[in-house]
Amino acid sequence: MGKNIFLLPALIISVVVLALHLLALEYFLYWTHGWFDLLIHALAGAMIGFISVWVLSRSKSIFFVKPFKFFLIIFITTSLISISWEIFEFIFGLTFTSLNYVQDTILDIVMTVLGGMTVFLYLVFISKFFLKEKPNAE
């Protein structure tokens, strides 16, 4: 398993996001429950966070990566992907322009980044409590 330990949560979260999104479309949950969109964005942010860490772990041993680097990678990746997604939605007319459009867009981006930051906190937690020693450098 090794480095793929970060890919499994991303895959599980992506299946959950897909299922919740399909349910939301079928039962109009995005329109009847305003918080539902924020939940999806937070979960997507967590998925992006896990994928970011997985990509990083493929290139080097993550045991030697400082926490601040994880923070930056997850923060920048979730921010860029979230902003790109919001631009994509706007360009292709997937959003409904309203008086609250800017506020909604900013909140979507913030929730995505917060979802990614939960992955960072998770990494800090497991590194403090489960990784007692760093492996010897080879």
C-alpha atoms as a PDB file:
ATOM      1  CA  MET A   1       0.000   0.000   0.000  1.00  0.00           C
ATOM      2  CA  GLY A   2       2.612   2.546   1.127  1.00  0.00           C
ATOM      3  CA  LYS A   3       2.275   5.771  -0.786  1.00  0.00           C
ATOM      4  CA  ASN A   4      -1.215   4.916  -2.004  1.00  0.00           C
ATOM      5  CA  ILE A   5      -2.522   5.403   1.531  1.00  0.00           C
ATOM      6  CA  PHE A   6      -3.382   8.982   0.533  1.00  0.00           C
ATOM      7  CA  LEU A   7      -5.088   7.955  -2.695  1.00  0.00           C
ATOM      8  CA  LEU A   8      -7.674   5.714  -1.021  1.00  0.00           C
ATOM      9  CA  PRO A   9      -9.326   8.517   1.018  1.00  0.00           C
ATOM     10  CA  ALA A  10      -9.403  10.690  -2.120  1.00  0.00           C
ATOM     11  CA  LEU A  11     -11.162   7.935  -4.060  1.00  0.00           C
ATOM     12  CA  ILE A  12     -13.663   7.309  -1.253  1.00  0.00           C
ATOM     13  CA  ILE A  13     -14.420  11.024  -0.932  1.00  0.00           C
ATOM     14  CA  SER A  14     -14.838  11.356  -4.708  1.00  0.00           C
ATOM     15  CA  VAL A  15     -17.431   8.555  -4.712  1.00  0.00           C
ATOM     16  CA  VAL A  16     -19.254  10.223  -1.796  1.00  0.00           C
ATOM     17  CA  VAL A  17     -19.176  13.609  -3.579  1.00  0.00           C
ATOM     18  CA  LEU A  18     -20.516  12.050  -6.780  1.00  0.00           C
ATOM     19  CA  ALA A  19     -23.320  10.261  -4.920  1.00  0.00           C
ATOM     20  CA  LEU A  20     -24.283  13.375  -2.949  1.00  0.00           C
ATOM     21  CA  HIS A  21     -24.174  15.513  -6.095  1.00  0.00           C
ATOM     22  CA  LEU A  22     -26.468  13.127  -7.969  1.00  0.00           C
ATOM     23  CA  LEU A  23     -28.866  13.058  -5.008  1.00  0.00           C
ATOM     24  CA  ALA A  24     -28.759  16.851  -4.832  1.00  0.00           C
ATOM     25  CA  LEU A  25     -29.669  17.162  -8.503  1.00  0.00           C
ATOM     26  CA  GLU A  26     -32.451  14.590  -8.239  1.00  0.00           C
ATOM     27  CA  TYR A  27     -34.021  16.078  -5.101  1.00  0.00           C
ATOM     28  CA  PHE A  28     -33.137  19.769  -5.668  1.00  0.00           C
ATOM     29  CA  LEU A  29     -31.023  19.847  -2.508  1.00  0.00           C
ATOM     30  CA  TYR A  30     -28.828  22.672  -3.794  1.00  0.00           C
ATOM     31  CA  TRP A  31     -31.900  24.887  -4.021  1.00  0.00           C
ATOM     32  CA  THR A  32     -33.805  23.753  -0.932  1.00  0.00           C
ATOM     33  CA  HIS A  33     -30.839  23.472   1.466  1.00  0.00           C
ATOM     34  CA  GLY A  34     -28.318  26.263   0.968  1.00  0.00           C
ATOM     35  CA  TRP A  35     -25.699  24.531   3.114  1.00  0.00           C
ATOM     36  CA  PHE A  36     -25.593  21.466   0.855  1.00  0.00           C
ATOM     37  CA  ASP A  37     -23.416  23.204  -1.738  1.00  0.00           C
ATOM     38  CA  LEU A  38     -20.965  24.158   1.021  1.00  0.00           C
ATOM     39  CA  LEU A  39     -20.765  20.537   2.173  1.00  0.00           C
ATOM     40  CA  ILE A  40     -19.915  19.412  -1.355  1.00  0.00           C
ATOM     41  CA  HIS A  41     -17.230  22.089  -1.654  1.00  0.00           C
ATOM     42  CA  ALA A  42     -15.673  21.102   1.691  1.00  0.00           C
ATOM     43  CA  LEU A  43     -15.592  17.431   0.703  1.00  0.00           C
ATOM     44  CA  ALA A  44     -14.105  18.326  -2.677  1.00  0.00           C
ATOM     45  CA  GLY A  45     -11.429  20.334  -0.882  1.00  0.00           C
ATOM     46  CA  ALA A  46     -10.564  17.312   1.259  1.00  0.00           C
ATOM     47  CA  MET A  47     -10.360  15.183  -1.877  1.00  0.00           C
ATOM     48  CA  ILE A  48      -8.024  17.722  -3.515  1.00  0.00           C
ATOM     49  CA  GLY A  49      -5.935  17.820  -0.333  1.00  0.00           C
ATOM     50  CA  PHE A  50      -5.468  14.051  -0.279  1.00  0.00           C
ATOM     51  CA  ILE A  51      -4.616  13.987  -3.989  1.00  0.00           C
ATOM     52  CA  SER A  52      -2.063  16.775  -3.458  1.00  0.00           C
ATOM     53  CA  VAL A  53      -0.379  14.815  -0.671  1.00  0.00           C
ATOM     54  CA  TRP A  54      -0.479  11.643  -2.762  1.00  0.00           C
ATOM     55  CA  VAL A  55       1.239  13.406  -5.679  1.00  0.00           C
ATOM     56  CA  LEU A  56       3.868  14.793  -3.301  1.00  0.00           C
ATOM     57  CA  SER A  57       4.422  11.353  -1.763  1.00  0.00           C
ATOM     58  CA  ARG A  58       5.072   9.895  -5.219  1.00  0.00           C
ATOM     59  CA  SER A  59       8.006  12.240  -5.738  1.00  0.00           C
ATOM     60  CA  LYS A  60       9.682  12.014  -2.311  1.00  0.00           C
ATOM     61  CA  SER A  61       9.427  10.491   1.107  1.00  0.00           C
ATOM     62  CA  ILE A  62       6.815  12.488   2.952  1.00  0.00           C
ATOM     63  CA  PHE A  63       8.465  11.673   6.263  1.00  0.00           C
ATOM     64  CA  PHE A  64      10.984  14.404   5.536  1.00  0.00           C
ATOM     65  CA  VAL A  65       8.558  17.086   4.366  1.00  0.00           C
ATOM     66  CA  LYS A  66       8.060  19.903   6.844  1.00  0.00           C
ATOM     67  CA  PRO A  67       4.452  20.626   7.902  1.00  0.00           C
ATOM     68  CA  PHE A  68       4.573  24.157   6.487  1.00  0.00           C
ATOM     69  CA  LYS A  69       5.314  22.732   3.026  1.00  0.00           C
ATOM     70  CA  PHE A  70       2.260  20.475   3.312  1.00  0.00           C
ATOM     71  CA  PHE A  71       0.218  23.488   4.344  1.00  0.00           C
ATOM     72  CA  LEU A  72       1.414  25.529   1.350  1.00  0.00           C
ATOM     73  CA  ILE A  73       0.914  22.725  -1.150  1.00  0.00           C
ATOM     74  CA  ILE A  74      -2.605  21.947   0.048  1.00  0.00           C
ATOM     75  CA  PHE A  75      -3.576  25.613   0.403  1.00  0.00           C
ATOM     76  CA  ILE A  76      -2.287  26.625  -3.038  1.00  0.00           C
ATOM     77  CA  THR A  77      -3.667  23.546  -4.802  1.00  0.00           C
ATOM     78  CA  THR A  78      -7.148  23.787  -3.298  1.00  0.00           C
ATOM     79  CA  SER A  79      -7.246  27.547  -3.920  1.00  0.00           C
ATOM     80  CA  LEU A  80      -6.228  27.259  -7.578  1.00  0.00           C
ATOM     81  CA  ILE A  81      -8.553  24.365  -8.351  1.00  0.00           C
ATOM     82  CA  SER A  82     -11.470  26.008  -6.551  1.00  0.00           C
ATOM     83  CA  ILE A  83     -10.970  29.342  -8.319  1.00  0.00           C
ATOM     84  CA  SER A  84     -10.604  27.533 -11.651  1.00  0.00           C
ATOM     85  CA  TRP A  85     -13.833  25.635 -10.989  1.00  0.00           C
ATOM     86  CA  GLU A  86     -15.735  28.828 -10.190  1.00  0.00           C
ATOM     87  CA  ILE A  87     -14.440  30.427 -13.414  1.00  0.00           C
ATOM     88  CA  PHE A  88     -15.463  27.297 -15.344  1.00  0.00           C
ATOM     89  CA  GLU A  89     -18.970  27.459 -13.844  1.00  0.00           C
ATOM     90  CA  PHE A  90     -19.298  31.131 -14.736  1.00  0.00           C
ATOM     91  CA  ILE A  91     -17.998  30.794 -18.314  1.00  0.00           C
ATOM     92  CA  PHE A  92     -20.242  27.844 -19.134  1.00  0.00           C
ATOM     93  CA  GLY A  93     -23.306  29.280 -17.422  1.00  0.00           C
ATOM     94  CA  LEU A  94     -23.518  26.678 -14.683  1.00  0.00           C
ATOM     95  CA  THR A  95     -24.193  29.335 -12.079  1.00  0.00           C
ATOM     96  CA  PHE A  96     -27.293  31.351 -11.579  1.00  0.00           C
ATOM     97  CA  THR A  97     -26.297  34.976 -11.366  1.00  0.00           C
ATOM     98  CA  SER A  98     -28.007  36.686  -8.501  1.00  0.00           C
ATOM     99  CA  LEU A  99     -27.413  39.480  -6.067  1.00  0.00           C
ATOM    100  CA  ASN A 100     -25.465  37.077  -3.850  1.00  0.00           C
ATOM    101  CA  TYR A 101     -23.317  35.611  -6.631  1.00  0.00           C
ATOM    102  CA  VAL A 102     -20.004  37.100  -5.451  1.00  0.00           C
ATOM    103  CA  GLN A 103     -20.674  36.180  -1.826  1.00  0.00           C
ATOM    104  CA  ASP A 104     -21.651  32.634  -2.829  1.00  0.00           C
ATOM    105  CA  THR A 105     -18.545  32.238  -4.981  1.00  0.00           C
ATOM    106  CA  ILE A 106     -16.231  33.450  -2.223  1.00  0.00           C
ATOM    107  CA  LEU A 107     -17.906  31.139   0.291  1.00  0.00           C
ATOM    108  CA  ASP A 108     -17.530  28.196  -2.119  1.00  0.00           C
ATOM    109  CA  ILE A 109     -13.802  28.904  -2.465  1.00  0.00           C
ATOM    110  CA  VAL A 110     -13.355  29.302   1.294  1.00  0.00           C
ATOM    111  CA  MET A 111     -15.162  26.014   2.005  1.00  0.00           C
ATOM    112  CA  THR A 112     -13.038  24.173  -0.553  1.00  0.00           C
ATOM    113  CA  VAL A 113      -9.853  25.515   1.022  1.00  0.00           C
ATOM    114  CA  LEU A 114     -11.135  24.643   4.515  1.00  0.00           C
ATOM    115  CA  GLY A 115     -11.824  21.114   3.314  1.00  0.00           C
ATOM    116  CA  GLY A 116      -8.221  20.904   2.162  1.00  0.00           C
ATOM    117  CA  MET A 117      -7.001  22.302   5.463  1.00  0.00           C
ATOM    118  CA  THR A 118      -8.754  19.463   7.304  1.00  0.00           C
ATOM    119  CA  VAL A 119      -6.430  17.115   5.427  1.00  0.00           C
ATOM    120  CA  PHE A 120      -3.470  19.168   6.640  1.00  0.00           C
ATOM    121  CA  LEU A 121      -4.731  18.913  10.235  1.00  0.00           C
ATOM    122  CA  TYR A 122      -5.232  15.181   9.743  1.00  0.00           C
ATOM    123  CA  LEU A 123      -1.625  14.845   8.551  1.00  0.00           C
ATOM    124  CA  VAL A 124      -0.351  16.793  11.544  1.00  0.00           C
ATOM    125  CA  PHE A 125      -2.416  14.562  13.839  1.00  0.00           C
ATOM    126  CA  ILE A 126      -1.218  11.260  12.387  1.00  0.00           C
ATOM    127  CA  SER A 127       2.380  12.418  12.251  1.00  0.00           C
ATOM    128  CA  LYS A 128       2.349  13.367  15.960  1.00  0.00           C
ATOM    129  CA  PHE A 129       0.564  10.295  17.255  1.00  0.00           C
ATOM    130  CA  PHE A 130       1.380   7.488  14.857  1.00  0.00           C
ATOM    131  CA  LEU A 131       4.828   8.237  13.473  1.00  0.00           C
ATOM    132  CA  LYS A 132       7.009   7.877  16.534  1.00  0.00           C
ATOM    133  CA  GLU A 133      10.310   7.804  14.637  1.00  0.00           C
ATOM    134  CA  LYS A 134      11.433   9.009  11.279  1.00  0.00           C
ATOM    135  CA  PRO A 135      12.858   6.259   9.095  1.00  0.00           C
ATOM    136  CA  ASN A 136      16.589   6.320   8.509  1.00  0.00           C
ATOM    137  CA  ALA A 137      17.650   8.182   5.394  1.00  0.00           C
ATOM    138  CA  GLU A 138      19.089   5.851   2.804  1.00  0.00           C
END
